[in-house]
N, C-alpha and C. Protein backbone atom coordinates (compact mmCIF):
# COMPACT_ATOMS: atom_id res chain seq x y z
N MET A 1 -68.01 -59.78 79.30
CA MET A 1 -66.72 -59.98 78.66
C MET A 1 -65.60 -59.52 79.57
N PHE A 2 -64.54 -60.29 79.60
CA PHE A 2 -63.42 -59.98 80.48
C PHE A 2 -62.81 -58.63 80.16
N GLN A 3 -62.60 -58.37 78.86
CA GLN A 3 -62.00 -57.10 78.47
C GLN A 3 -62.91 -55.94 78.83
N GLY A 4 -64.22 -56.10 78.60
CA GLY A 4 -65.17 -55.05 78.94
C GLY A 4 -65.16 -54.75 80.43
N SER A 5 -65.03 -55.79 81.26
CA SER A 5 -64.99 -55.60 82.71
C SER A 5 -63.77 -54.80 83.12
N LEU A 6 -62.60 -55.17 82.56
CA LEU A 6 -61.38 -54.43 82.89
C LEU A 6 -61.46 -52.99 82.42
N VAL A 7 -61.96 -52.77 81.22
CA VAL A 7 -62.09 -51.41 80.69
C VAL A 7 -63.01 -50.58 81.58
N PHE A 8 -64.15 -51.15 82.00
CA PHE A 8 -65.10 -50.46 82.87
C PHE A 8 -64.44 -50.07 84.19
N ILE A 9 -63.71 -51.01 84.80
CA ILE A 9 -63.05 -50.74 86.08
C ILE A 9 -62.03 -49.61 85.95
N LEU A 10 -61.22 -49.67 84.89
CA LEU A 10 -60.18 -48.66 84.71
C LEU A 10 -60.77 -47.29 84.39
N VAL A 11 -61.82 -47.24 83.56
CA VAL A 11 -62.45 -45.96 83.22
C VAL A 11 -63.09 -45.33 84.44
N VAL A 12 -63.84 -46.11 85.22
CA VAL A 12 -64.50 -45.58 86.42
C VAL A 12 -63.47 -45.11 87.44
N THR A 13 -62.41 -45.92 87.63
CA THR A 13 -61.36 -45.53 88.58
C THR A 13 -60.70 -44.23 88.16
N GLY A 14 -60.34 -44.12 86.88
CA GLY A 14 -59.69 -42.92 86.38
C GLY A 14 -60.57 -41.69 86.52
N LEU A 15 -61.87 -41.81 86.18
CA LEU A 15 -62.77 -40.67 86.27
C LEU A 15 -62.99 -40.23 87.71
N LEU A 16 -63.16 -41.20 88.62
CA LEU A 16 -63.34 -40.85 90.03
C LEU A 16 -62.12 -40.13 90.59
N LEU A 17 -60.94 -40.64 90.28
CA LEU A 17 -59.72 -39.99 90.76
C LEU A 17 -59.58 -38.59 90.19
N LEU A 18 -59.89 -38.44 88.91
CA LEU A 18 -59.77 -37.13 88.26
C LEU A 18 -60.78 -36.13 88.84
N LEU A 19 -62.03 -36.56 89.01
CA LEU A 19 -63.06 -35.67 89.55
C LEU A 19 -62.76 -35.25 90.98
N PHE A 20 -62.29 -36.20 91.79
CA PHE A 20 -61.97 -35.89 93.18
C PHE A 20 -60.79 -34.93 93.27
N SER A 21 -59.80 -35.11 92.38
CA SER A 21 -58.64 -34.22 92.38
C SER A 21 -59.05 -32.81 91.97
N VAL A 22 -59.95 -32.68 90.98
CA VAL A 22 -60.44 -31.35 90.57
C VAL A 22 -61.22 -30.71 91.71
N TYR A 23 -62.01 -31.50 92.41
CA TYR A 23 -62.78 -30.98 93.55
C TYR A 23 -61.86 -30.42 94.62
N LEU A 24 -60.79 -31.12 94.94
CA LEU A 24 -59.86 -30.65 95.96
C LEU A 24 -59.11 -29.40 95.52
N LEU A 25 -58.74 -29.37 94.24
CA LEU A 25 -57.97 -28.23 93.73
C LEU A 25 -58.78 -26.94 93.72
N PHE A 26 -60.09 -27.03 93.49
CA PHE A 26 -60.90 -25.82 93.34
C PHE A 26 -61.80 -25.56 94.56
N LYS A 27 -61.72 -26.37 95.56
CA LYS A 27 -62.53 -26.16 96.76
C LYS A 27 -62.01 -24.97 97.55
N ARG A 28 -62.93 -24.14 98.00
CA ARG A 28 -62.55 -22.95 98.75
C ARG A 28 -62.31 -23.29 100.22
N GLY A 29 -61.57 -22.40 100.90
CA GLY A 29 -61.32 -22.58 102.32
C GLY A 29 -60.49 -23.81 102.61
N TRP A 30 -59.36 -23.91 101.88
CA TRP A 30 -58.51 -25.08 102.10
C TRP A 30 -58.01 -25.12 103.53
N PHE A 31 -57.98 -26.29 104.07
CA PHE A 31 -57.31 -26.54 105.34
C PHE A 31 -56.14 -27.46 105.05
N LEU A 32 -54.99 -26.99 105.49
CA LEU A 32 -53.76 -27.70 105.13
C LEU A 32 -53.65 -27.78 103.61
N ALA A 33 -53.60 -26.60 102.99
CA ALA A 33 -53.65 -26.51 101.53
C ALA A 33 -52.55 -27.34 100.86
N TRP A 34 -51.39 -27.30 101.41
CA TRP A 34 -50.29 -28.05 100.77
C TRP A 34 -50.57 -29.54 100.74
N LEU A 35 -51.13 -30.05 101.88
CA LEU A 35 -51.42 -31.48 101.97
C LEU A 35 -52.50 -31.87 100.97
N LYS A 36 -53.53 -31.02 100.88
CA LYS A 36 -54.60 -31.32 99.95
C LYS A 36 -54.12 -31.23 98.50
N GLY A 37 -53.29 -30.21 98.24
CA GLY A 37 -52.76 -30.06 96.89
C GLY A 37 -51.92 -31.25 96.48
N SER A 38 -51.10 -31.73 97.42
CA SER A 38 -50.26 -32.90 97.13
C SER A 38 -51.13 -34.13 96.88
N PHE A 39 -52.18 -34.26 97.68
CA PHE A 39 -53.07 -35.40 97.52
C PHE A 39 -53.79 -35.33 96.18
N ALA A 40 -54.20 -34.12 95.79
CA ALA A 40 -54.88 -33.95 94.50
C ALA A 40 -53.96 -34.30 93.35
N ILE A 41 -52.69 -33.89 93.44
CA ILE A 41 -51.73 -34.23 92.39
C ILE A 41 -51.54 -35.74 92.30
N ALA A 42 -51.52 -36.40 93.47
CA ALA A 42 -51.39 -37.86 93.48
C ALA A 42 -52.59 -38.51 92.81
N LEU A 43 -53.77 -37.93 93.01
CA LEU A 43 -54.97 -38.48 92.37
C LEU A 43 -54.91 -38.29 90.86
N VAL A 44 -54.40 -37.13 90.42
CA VAL A 44 -54.24 -36.91 88.98
C VAL A 44 -53.29 -37.95 88.39
N ALA A 45 -52.18 -38.20 89.12
CA ALA A 45 -51.23 -39.22 88.66
C ALA A 45 -51.89 -40.58 88.58
N GLY A 46 -52.76 -40.89 89.57
CA GLY A 46 -53.48 -42.15 89.55
C GLY A 46 -54.42 -42.25 88.36
N ALA A 47 -55.07 -41.11 88.02
CA ALA A 47 -55.97 -41.11 86.87
C ALA A 47 -55.19 -41.33 85.57
N VAL A 48 -54.02 -40.70 85.47
CA VAL A 48 -53.18 -40.89 84.28
C VAL A 48 -52.72 -42.33 84.18
N TYR A 49 -52.34 -42.92 85.33
CA TYR A 49 -51.91 -44.32 85.35
C TYR A 49 -53.05 -45.24 84.90
N SER A 50 -54.27 -44.93 85.34
CA SER A 50 -55.43 -45.73 84.92
C SER A 50 -55.63 -45.64 83.41
N LEU A 51 -55.40 -44.44 82.85
CA LEU A 51 -55.54 -44.26 81.40
C LEU A 51 -54.53 -45.11 80.66
N PHE A 52 -53.27 -45.08 81.09
CA PHE A 52 -52.24 -45.88 80.44
C PHE A 52 -52.54 -47.38 80.60
N SER A 53 -53.07 -47.77 81.76
CA SER A 53 -53.45 -49.17 81.97
C SER A 53 -54.56 -49.57 81.02
N LEU A 54 -55.50 -48.64 80.78
CA LEU A 54 -56.58 -48.90 79.84
C LEU A 54 -56.04 -49.14 78.44
N LEU A 55 -55.04 -48.35 78.03
CA LEU A 55 -54.43 -48.54 76.71
C LEU A 55 -53.78 -49.91 76.62
N ASP A 56 -53.17 -50.37 77.71
CA ASP A 56 -52.53 -51.68 77.69
C ASP A 56 -53.57 -52.79 77.59
N VAL A 57 -54.69 -52.65 78.29
CA VAL A 57 -55.76 -53.64 78.21
C VAL A 57 -56.29 -53.74 76.79
N LEU A 58 -56.43 -52.60 76.12
CA LEU A 58 -56.97 -52.59 74.76
C LEU A 58 -56.02 -53.22 73.75
N SER A 59 -54.76 -53.44 74.15
CA SER A 59 -53.82 -54.10 73.24
C SER A 59 -54.03 -55.62 73.22
N TYR A 60 -54.87 -56.12 74.16
CA TYR A 60 -55.20 -57.55 74.19
C TYR A 60 -56.49 -57.78 73.41
N LYS A 61 -56.71 -59.03 73.03
CA LYS A 61 -57.91 -59.40 72.28
C LYS A 61 -58.67 -60.47 73.04
N GLN A 62 -60.01 -60.47 72.87
CA GLN A 62 -60.84 -61.49 73.50
C GLN A 62 -60.63 -62.82 72.81
N LEU A 63 -60.41 -63.86 73.60
CA LEU A 63 -60.20 -65.18 73.04
C LEU A 63 -61.52 -65.80 72.62
N LEU A 64 -61.64 -66.16 71.36
CA LEU A 64 -62.84 -66.79 70.82
C LEU A 64 -62.55 -68.23 70.47
N SER A 65 -63.51 -69.10 70.71
CA SER A 65 -63.32 -70.53 70.47
C SER A 65 -63.23 -70.83 68.98
N GLU A 66 -62.31 -71.73 68.63
CA GLU A 66 -62.18 -72.23 67.27
C GLU A 66 -61.95 -71.15 66.22
N VAL A 67 -61.30 -70.09 66.62
CA VAL A 67 -60.92 -69.03 65.67
C VAL A 67 -59.41 -68.91 65.70
N PRO A 68 -58.73 -69.02 64.57
CA PRO A 68 -57.26 -68.93 64.58
C PRO A 68 -56.80 -67.54 65.00
N ILE A 69 -55.78 -67.48 65.84
CA ILE A 69 -55.23 -66.20 66.25
C ILE A 69 -54.09 -65.78 65.32
N ALA A 70 -53.60 -66.71 64.51
CA ALA A 70 -52.53 -66.38 63.56
C ALA A 70 -52.44 -67.46 62.50
N THR A 71 -52.06 -67.04 61.29
CA THR A 71 -51.75 -67.96 60.21
C THR A 71 -50.34 -67.66 59.75
N ILE A 72 -49.52 -68.69 59.63
CA ILE A 72 -48.11 -68.51 59.30
C ILE A 72 -47.77 -69.25 58.01
N SER A 73 -47.24 -68.49 57.04
CA SER A 73 -46.80 -69.05 55.77
C SER A 73 -45.28 -68.95 55.69
N ILE A 74 -44.65 -69.98 55.10
CA ILE A 74 -43.19 -70.08 55.11
C ILE A 74 -42.66 -70.19 53.69
N TYR A 75 -41.63 -69.38 53.41
CA TYR A 75 -40.96 -69.44 52.11
C TYR A 75 -39.44 -69.43 52.34
N GLU A 76 -38.78 -70.38 51.73
CA GLU A 76 -37.33 -70.52 51.94
C GLU A 76 -36.56 -69.49 51.13
N LYS A 77 -35.60 -68.83 51.80
CA LYS A 77 -34.74 -67.85 51.14
C LYS A 77 -33.30 -68.34 51.01
N GLY A 78 -32.95 -69.34 51.82
CA GLY A 78 -31.60 -69.88 51.82
C GLY A 78 -31.49 -70.99 52.84
N ASP A 79 -30.27 -71.46 53.07
CA ASP A 79 -30.05 -72.54 54.03
C ASP A 79 -30.37 -72.06 55.44
N GLN A 80 -31.38 -72.67 56.06
CA GLN A 80 -31.83 -72.30 57.41
C GLN A 80 -32.19 -70.81 57.48
N TYR A 81 -32.78 -70.30 56.41
CA TYR A 81 -33.14 -68.88 56.34
C TYR A 81 -34.47 -68.77 55.60
N TYR A 82 -35.49 -68.22 56.28
CA TYR A 82 -36.85 -68.26 55.73
C TYR A 82 -37.54 -66.90 55.85
N ASP A 83 -38.47 -66.69 54.94
CA ASP A 83 -39.37 -65.54 54.97
C ASP A 83 -40.70 -66.02 55.54
N LEU A 84 -41.04 -65.56 56.75
CA LEU A 84 -42.29 -65.95 57.40
C LEU A 84 -43.30 -64.82 57.31
N THR A 85 -44.50 -65.15 56.87
CA THR A 85 -45.60 -64.19 56.84
C THR A 85 -46.62 -64.59 57.90
N LEU A 86 -46.87 -63.68 58.85
CA LEU A 86 -47.85 -63.93 59.92
C LEU A 86 -49.05 -63.01 59.70
N ILE A 87 -50.22 -63.61 59.62
CA ILE A 87 -51.46 -62.86 59.51
C ILE A 87 -52.23 -63.06 60.81
N ASP A 88 -52.49 -61.96 61.54
CA ASP A 88 -53.12 -62.08 62.86
C ASP A 88 -54.64 -62.10 62.74
N ALA A 89 -55.32 -62.09 63.90
CA ALA A 89 -56.78 -62.20 63.93
C ALA A 89 -57.47 -60.99 63.30
N ASP A 90 -56.75 -59.88 63.19
CA ASP A 90 -57.30 -58.68 62.55
C ASP A 90 -56.98 -58.61 61.07
N SER A 91 -56.45 -59.72 60.53
CA SER A 91 -56.07 -59.82 59.11
C SER A 91 -54.91 -58.89 58.73
N LYS A 92 -54.12 -58.50 59.73
CA LYS A 92 -52.94 -57.69 59.46
C LYS A 92 -51.75 -58.59 59.15
N GLU A 93 -51.01 -58.24 58.11
CA GLU A 93 -49.90 -59.07 57.67
C GLU A 93 -48.58 -58.53 58.22
N HIS A 94 -47.76 -59.45 58.76
CA HIS A 94 -46.44 -59.12 59.28
C HIS A 94 -45.43 -60.09 58.66
N ARG A 95 -44.30 -59.55 58.19
CA ARG A 95 -43.30 -60.41 57.54
C ARG A 95 -41.98 -60.34 58.32
N PHE A 96 -41.32 -61.50 58.41
CA PHE A 96 -40.09 -61.61 59.17
C PHE A 96 -39.09 -62.49 58.43
N ASP A 97 -37.82 -62.14 58.53
CA ASP A 97 -36.73 -63.00 58.05
C ASP A 97 -36.22 -63.80 59.25
N VAL A 98 -36.40 -65.10 59.20
CA VAL A 98 -36.14 -65.94 60.37
C VAL A 98 -35.06 -66.96 60.05
N HIS A 99 -34.07 -67.06 60.93
CA HIS A 99 -33.02 -68.07 60.83
C HIS A 99 -33.37 -69.26 61.74
N GLY A 100 -33.03 -70.47 61.28
CA GLY A 100 -33.23 -71.65 62.11
C GLY A 100 -33.89 -72.79 61.36
N ASP A 101 -34.31 -73.79 62.14
CA ASP A 101 -34.98 -74.97 61.58
C ASP A 101 -36.47 -74.97 61.89
N GLN A 102 -36.87 -74.23 62.94
CA GLN A 102 -38.26 -74.21 63.37
C GLN A 102 -38.65 -72.77 63.72
N TRP A 103 -39.94 -72.50 63.67
CA TRP A 103 -40.46 -71.21 64.15
C TRP A 103 -41.19 -71.43 65.46
N GLN A 104 -41.21 -70.43 66.30
CA GLN A 104 -41.90 -70.50 67.59
C GLN A 104 -42.72 -69.24 67.81
N LEU A 105 -43.94 -69.42 68.32
CA LEU A 105 -44.84 -68.30 68.60
C LEU A 105 -45.25 -68.34 70.07
N ASP A 106 -45.12 -67.20 70.76
CA ASP A 106 -45.50 -67.08 72.17
C ASP A 106 -46.64 -66.08 72.31
N ALA A 107 -47.49 -66.30 73.31
CA ALA A 107 -48.60 -65.39 73.58
C ALA A 107 -48.74 -65.19 75.08
N ARG A 108 -49.33 -64.05 75.45
CA ARG A 108 -49.65 -63.76 76.85
C ARG A 108 -51.14 -63.94 77.09
N LEU A 109 -51.50 -64.38 78.32
CA LEU A 109 -52.89 -64.59 78.68
C LEU A 109 -53.23 -63.83 79.96
N LEU A 110 -54.43 -63.25 80.00
CA LEU A 110 -54.99 -62.63 81.21
C LEU A 110 -56.35 -63.27 81.46
N THR A 111 -56.53 -63.86 82.65
CA THR A 111 -57.80 -64.53 82.98
C THR A 111 -58.21 -64.20 84.40
N TRP A 112 -59.54 -64.12 84.62
CA TRP A 112 -60.06 -63.96 85.98
C TRP A 112 -59.88 -65.26 86.75
N VAL A 113 -59.60 -65.15 88.04
CA VAL A 113 -59.56 -66.32 88.92
C VAL A 113 -60.29 -65.96 90.22
N GLY A 114 -60.55 -66.96 91.06
CA GLY A 114 -61.19 -66.70 92.34
C GLY A 114 -62.65 -66.31 92.18
N PRO A 115 -63.16 -65.45 93.10
CA PRO A 115 -64.58 -65.07 93.08
C PRO A 115 -65.02 -64.38 91.80
N LEU A 116 -64.10 -63.74 91.10
CA LEU A 116 -64.46 -63.01 89.89
C LEU A 116 -64.33 -63.85 88.63
N ALA A 117 -64.13 -65.16 88.79
CA ALA A 117 -63.93 -66.01 87.62
C ALA A 117 -65.13 -66.00 86.68
N ALA A 118 -66.33 -65.77 87.25
CA ALA A 118 -67.54 -65.79 86.43
C ALA A 118 -67.76 -64.48 85.67
N VAL A 119 -66.98 -63.44 85.99
CA VAL A 119 -67.18 -62.14 85.33
C VAL A 119 -66.81 -62.22 83.86
N GLY A 120 -65.68 -62.83 83.57
CA GLY A 120 -65.26 -62.97 82.18
C GLY A 120 -65.01 -64.43 81.86
N LYS A 121 -65.83 -65.00 81.01
CA LYS A 121 -65.72 -66.43 80.73
C LYS A 121 -64.50 -66.76 79.88
N LYS A 122 -64.12 -65.82 79.03
CA LYS A 122 -63.01 -66.09 78.13
C LYS A 122 -61.84 -65.16 78.45
N PRO A 123 -60.62 -65.68 78.43
CA PRO A 123 -59.45 -64.85 78.75
C PRO A 123 -59.11 -63.89 77.62
N LEU A 124 -58.22 -62.96 77.93
CA LEU A 124 -57.66 -62.07 76.93
C LEU A 124 -56.29 -62.59 76.52
N TYR A 125 -55.92 -62.36 75.29
CA TYR A 125 -54.61 -62.81 74.84
C TYR A 125 -53.93 -61.71 74.04
N ARG A 126 -52.62 -61.80 73.96
CA ARG A 126 -51.84 -60.91 73.10
C ARG A 126 -50.65 -61.67 72.56
N LEU A 127 -50.50 -61.68 71.24
CA LEU A 127 -49.33 -62.32 70.65
C LEU A 127 -48.09 -61.59 71.14
N ASP A 128 -47.12 -62.34 71.66
CA ASP A 128 -45.98 -61.72 72.32
C ASP A 128 -44.75 -61.65 71.43
N ARG A 129 -44.33 -62.78 70.87
CA ARG A 129 -43.14 -62.75 70.03
C ARG A 129 -43.09 -63.95 69.09
N LEU A 130 -42.36 -63.76 68.00
CA LEU A 130 -42.08 -64.81 67.04
C LEU A 130 -40.57 -64.99 66.99
N SER A 131 -40.12 -66.24 66.98
CA SER A 131 -38.67 -66.49 66.99
C SER A 131 -38.33 -67.73 66.19
N GLY A 132 -37.05 -67.86 65.87
CA GLY A 132 -36.55 -69.05 65.19
C GLY A 132 -35.84 -69.97 66.17
N ARG A 133 -35.85 -71.25 65.87
CA ARG A 133 -35.21 -72.26 66.72
C ARG A 133 -34.30 -73.14 65.88
N TYR A 134 -33.23 -73.62 66.50
CA TYR A 134 -32.33 -74.57 65.85
C TYR A 134 -32.46 -75.93 66.51
N VAL A 135 -32.39 -76.97 65.70
CA VAL A 135 -32.41 -78.33 66.25
C VAL A 135 -31.09 -78.64 66.93
N SER A 136 -29.99 -78.18 66.33
CA SER A 136 -28.66 -78.40 66.88
C SER A 136 -28.42 -77.51 68.09
N LEU A 137 -27.97 -78.09 69.18
CA LEU A 137 -27.67 -77.33 70.39
C LEU A 137 -26.53 -76.36 70.15
N GLU A 138 -25.54 -76.77 69.37
CA GLU A 138 -24.42 -75.89 69.07
C GLU A 138 -24.86 -74.66 68.30
N GLN A 139 -25.74 -74.85 67.32
CA GLN A 139 -26.25 -73.71 66.56
C GLN A 139 -27.15 -72.82 67.42
N ALA A 140 -27.89 -73.46 68.32
CA ALA A 140 -28.74 -72.68 69.22
C ALA A 140 -27.92 -71.73 70.08
N ARG A 141 -26.68 -72.13 70.37
CA ARG A 141 -25.82 -71.29 71.20
C ARG A 141 -25.03 -70.28 70.38
N ASN A 142 -24.62 -70.65 69.16
CA ASN A 142 -23.66 -69.82 68.43
C ASN A 142 -24.19 -69.21 67.13
N ALA A 143 -25.21 -69.79 66.52
CA ALA A 143 -25.70 -69.28 65.23
C ALA A 143 -26.55 -68.03 65.41
N GLU A 144 -26.83 -67.36 64.30
CA GLU A 144 -27.61 -66.13 64.34
C GLU A 144 -29.03 -66.41 64.84
N GLN A 145 -29.47 -65.57 65.78
CA GLN A 145 -30.79 -65.75 66.39
C GLN A 145 -31.79 -64.78 65.78
N SER A 146 -33.04 -65.22 65.73
CA SER A 146 -34.13 -64.38 65.20
C SER A 146 -35.24 -64.32 66.24
N ILE A 147 -35.40 -63.15 66.87
CA ILE A 147 -36.44 -62.95 67.88
C ILE A 147 -37.14 -61.63 67.57
N PHE A 148 -38.46 -61.68 67.38
CA PHE A 148 -39.21 -60.48 67.01
C PHE A 148 -40.36 -60.26 67.99
N SER A 149 -40.42 -59.07 68.55
CA SER A 149 -41.54 -58.71 69.42
C SER A 149 -42.74 -58.35 68.55
N LEU A 150 -43.89 -58.93 68.87
CA LEU A 150 -45.10 -58.68 68.08
C LEU A 150 -45.95 -57.55 68.65
N LYS A 151 -45.86 -57.35 69.96
CA LYS A 151 -46.62 -56.26 70.59
C LYS A 151 -45.98 -55.95 71.93
N GLU A 152 -45.80 -54.66 72.23
CA GLU A 152 -45.22 -54.23 73.49
C GLU A 152 -46.13 -53.22 74.16
N SER A 153 -46.08 -53.19 75.50
CA SER A 153 -46.83 -52.20 76.26
C SER A 153 -46.16 -50.84 76.11
N SER A 154 -46.96 -49.80 75.91
CA SER A 154 -46.40 -48.47 75.68
C SER A 154 -45.86 -47.84 76.97
N TYR A 155 -46.68 -47.79 78.01
CA TYR A 155 -46.28 -47.11 79.25
C TYR A 155 -46.44 -48.02 80.47
N VAL A 156 -47.58 -48.70 80.56
CA VAL A 156 -47.87 -49.57 81.70
C VAL A 156 -48.02 -51.00 81.20
N ASP A 157 -47.32 -51.93 81.83
CA ASP A 157 -47.41 -53.34 81.47
C ASP A 157 -48.18 -54.07 82.56
N LEU A 158 -49.50 -54.21 82.36
CA LEU A 158 -50.34 -54.86 83.37
C LEU A 158 -49.95 -56.31 83.57
N TRP A 159 -49.50 -56.97 82.50
CA TRP A 159 -49.11 -58.37 82.61
C TRP A 159 -47.98 -58.53 83.63
N GLN A 160 -46.98 -57.66 83.55
CA GLN A 160 -45.87 -57.71 84.51
C GLN A 160 -46.35 -57.34 85.91
N LEU A 161 -47.24 -56.36 86.00
CA LEU A 161 -47.75 -55.93 87.29
C LEU A 161 -48.51 -57.05 87.99
N PHE A 162 -49.45 -57.69 87.28
CA PHE A 162 -50.21 -58.78 87.87
C PHE A 162 -49.35 -60.00 88.14
N ASN A 163 -48.27 -60.14 87.41
CA ASN A 163 -47.37 -61.27 87.59
C ASN A 163 -46.57 -61.15 88.89
N GLN A 164 -46.40 -59.93 89.38
CA GLN A 164 -45.61 -59.70 90.58
C GLN A 164 -46.44 -59.76 91.86
N PHE A 165 -47.75 -59.56 91.73
CA PHE A 165 -48.61 -59.51 92.91
C PHE A 165 -49.77 -60.49 92.76
N ASP A 166 -50.19 -61.06 93.91
CA ASP A 166 -51.36 -61.94 93.92
C ASP A 166 -52.61 -61.10 93.69
N SER A 167 -53.45 -61.53 92.77
CA SER A 167 -54.67 -60.79 92.48
C SER A 167 -55.70 -61.75 91.92
N TRP A 168 -56.85 -61.21 91.56
CA TRP A 168 -57.92 -62.02 90.96
C TRP A 168 -57.75 -62.13 89.46
N ILE A 169 -56.63 -61.67 88.96
CA ILE A 169 -56.32 -61.82 87.54
C ILE A 169 -55.07 -62.68 87.41
N ASP A 170 -55.20 -63.79 86.73
CA ASP A 170 -54.09 -64.71 86.54
C ASP A 170 -53.37 -64.38 85.23
N VAL A 171 -52.04 -64.33 85.30
CA VAL A 171 -51.26 -64.05 84.10
C VAL A 171 -50.40 -65.27 83.79
N SER A 172 -50.27 -65.57 82.53
CA SER A 172 -49.45 -66.71 82.13
C SER A 172 -49.13 -66.61 80.66
N TYR A 173 -48.06 -67.29 80.27
CA TYR A 173 -47.76 -67.44 78.85
C TYR A 173 -48.58 -68.60 78.33
N GLY A 174 -49.21 -68.41 77.20
CA GLY A 174 -49.84 -69.55 76.55
C GLY A 174 -48.74 -70.53 76.18
N SER A 175 -49.04 -71.80 76.17
CA SER A 175 -48.01 -72.78 75.82
C SER A 175 -47.42 -72.43 74.47
N ALA A 176 -46.15 -72.05 74.46
CA ALA A 176 -45.50 -71.66 73.21
C ALA A 176 -45.53 -72.83 72.24
N VAL A 177 -45.82 -72.55 71.00
CA VAL A 177 -45.86 -73.60 69.97
C VAL A 177 -44.70 -73.40 69.01
N TYR A 178 -44.17 -74.49 68.52
CA TYR A 178 -43.10 -74.42 67.52
C TYR A 178 -43.29 -75.54 66.51
N MET A 179 -42.96 -75.23 65.27
CA MET A 179 -43.15 -76.15 64.16
C MET A 179 -41.95 -76.04 63.21
N PRO A 180 -41.70 -77.10 62.43
CA PRO A 180 -40.59 -77.04 61.47
C PRO A 180 -40.87 -76.03 60.36
N MET A 181 -39.79 -75.42 59.86
CA MET A 181 -39.93 -74.50 58.73
C MET A 181 -39.64 -75.27 57.45
N GLU A 182 -40.61 -75.24 56.55
CA GLU A 182 -40.51 -75.94 55.27
C GLU A 182 -41.07 -75.03 54.18
N ASN A 183 -40.37 -74.94 53.08
CA ASN A 183 -40.78 -74.05 52.00
C ASN A 183 -42.21 -74.36 51.52
N GLY A 184 -43.07 -73.35 51.55
CA GLY A 184 -44.45 -73.50 51.07
C GLY A 184 -45.44 -73.94 52.11
N ALA A 185 -44.99 -74.29 53.32
CA ALA A 185 -45.91 -74.77 54.36
C ALA A 185 -46.72 -73.62 54.94
N VAL A 186 -47.99 -73.91 55.30
CA VAL A 186 -48.87 -72.92 55.91
C VAL A 186 -49.52 -73.56 57.14
N PHE A 187 -49.45 -72.85 58.27
CA PHE A 187 -50.01 -73.34 59.52
C PHE A 187 -50.98 -72.31 60.10
N SER A 188 -51.97 -72.80 60.86
CA SER A 188 -52.85 -71.93 61.64
C SER A 188 -52.61 -72.21 63.12
N VAL A 189 -52.59 -71.14 63.91
CA VAL A 189 -52.36 -71.26 65.35
C VAL A 189 -53.66 -70.94 66.08
N TYR A 190 -54.04 -71.82 66.99
CA TYR A 190 -55.24 -71.64 67.80
C TYR A 190 -54.84 -71.53 69.26
N LEU A 191 -55.62 -70.77 70.02
CA LEU A 191 -55.36 -70.60 71.45
C LEU A 191 -56.62 -70.91 72.23
N THR A 192 -56.49 -71.78 73.22
CA THR A 192 -57.59 -72.11 74.12
C THR A 192 -57.16 -71.76 75.53
N ALA A 193 -58.08 -71.91 76.48
CA ALA A 193 -57.75 -71.64 77.87
C ALA A 193 -56.66 -72.58 78.39
N LYS A 194 -56.46 -73.70 77.70
CA LYS A 194 -55.46 -74.68 78.12
C LYS A 194 -54.12 -74.49 77.42
N GLY A 195 -54.07 -73.62 76.42
CA GLY A 195 -52.81 -73.39 75.74
C GLY A 195 -52.99 -73.24 74.24
N MET A 196 -51.87 -73.29 73.52
CA MET A 196 -51.87 -73.08 72.08
C MET A 196 -51.69 -74.39 71.34
N ASN A 197 -52.24 -74.46 70.14
CA ASN A 197 -52.01 -75.63 69.30
C ASN A 197 -51.97 -75.17 67.84
N VAL A 198 -51.38 -75.99 67.00
CA VAL A 198 -51.17 -75.65 65.60
C VAL A 198 -51.83 -76.69 64.70
N ARG A 199 -52.39 -76.22 63.59
CA ARG A 199 -52.98 -77.13 62.61
C ARG A 199 -52.37 -76.85 61.24
N PRO A 200 -51.99 -77.89 60.52
CA PRO A 200 -51.47 -77.70 59.15
C PRO A 200 -52.61 -77.30 58.22
N ILE A 201 -52.33 -76.35 57.32
CA ILE A 201 -53.36 -75.86 56.41
C ILE A 201 -53.27 -76.52 55.04
N ASN A 202 -52.05 -76.70 54.54
CA ASN A 202 -51.91 -77.26 53.19
C ASN A 202 -51.18 -78.60 53.23
N SER A 203 -51.04 -79.21 52.07
CA SER A 203 -50.45 -80.55 51.99
C SER A 203 -48.98 -80.55 52.38
N ILE A 204 -48.26 -79.46 52.11
CA ILE A 204 -46.84 -79.39 52.47
C ILE A 204 -46.68 -79.42 53.98
N ALA A 205 -47.52 -78.66 54.68
CA ALA A 205 -47.46 -78.64 56.14
C ALA A 205 -47.82 -80.00 56.72
N ARG A 206 -48.86 -80.64 56.16
CA ARG A 206 -49.25 -81.96 56.66
C ARG A 206 -48.15 -82.98 56.41
N LYS A 207 -47.49 -82.89 55.27
CA LYS A 207 -46.42 -83.84 54.93
C LYS A 207 -45.23 -83.69 55.86
N VAL A 208 -44.82 -82.44 56.15
CA VAL A 208 -43.64 -82.24 56.99
C VAL A 208 -43.91 -82.67 58.43
N LEU A 209 -45.16 -82.55 58.87
CA LEU A 209 -45.49 -83.01 60.22
C LEU A 209 -45.43 -84.53 60.30
N LYS A 210 -45.87 -85.20 59.26
CA LYS A 210 -45.79 -86.67 59.25
C LYS A 210 -44.35 -87.15 59.22
N GLU A 211 -43.49 -86.42 58.51
CA GLU A 211 -42.11 -86.86 58.34
C GLU A 211 -41.22 -86.49 59.52
N GLU A 212 -41.45 -85.33 60.13
CA GLU A 212 -40.52 -84.82 61.15
C GLU A 212 -41.11 -84.79 62.55
N TRP A 213 -42.42 -84.88 62.68
CA TRP A 213 -43.02 -84.66 64.01
C TRP A 213 -43.50 -85.96 64.63
């Protein structure tokens, strides 16, 4: 599993750095004590960084085939104003007040590439944000915007780190999906290695897709 591989690498790296730093700090007969002490402190910092990186990896989920990563239910509260309920893959419910004509969901992806592509067959994903969209360009520029972060990195953002440097881990946004907001409509969101797609769950969602999409 891709997530298991990353967790193993980070845990081993952190433990090795920590053990080596303890060895240097308590070794007798220091030569160039200040240099060794500084190096040991740097190793401790590296171990702490590995721990925070591990926490960031655990915020992602393993991508499973044909399993919805989110279900979105829509209830109208006013003109271009909706109550959206998002239920994630862990069955946790999140509610948002969203302005606009459409809802949009973005996700982040982490996948092995190159020689290590065979280590993890399925990528990791993390729901990134939910937002509202307007059909009118004027409203998109001037009307009230609704943007909600679904998950943020606490200390270390591996996605940003891998995005800045070439590595054997490819980072990308899953193809953001957006659908019209209609009172009573329910949609399921699926994520594959090729991107995201949406399926209507009830008759209201199917009807609005036929009429507007």
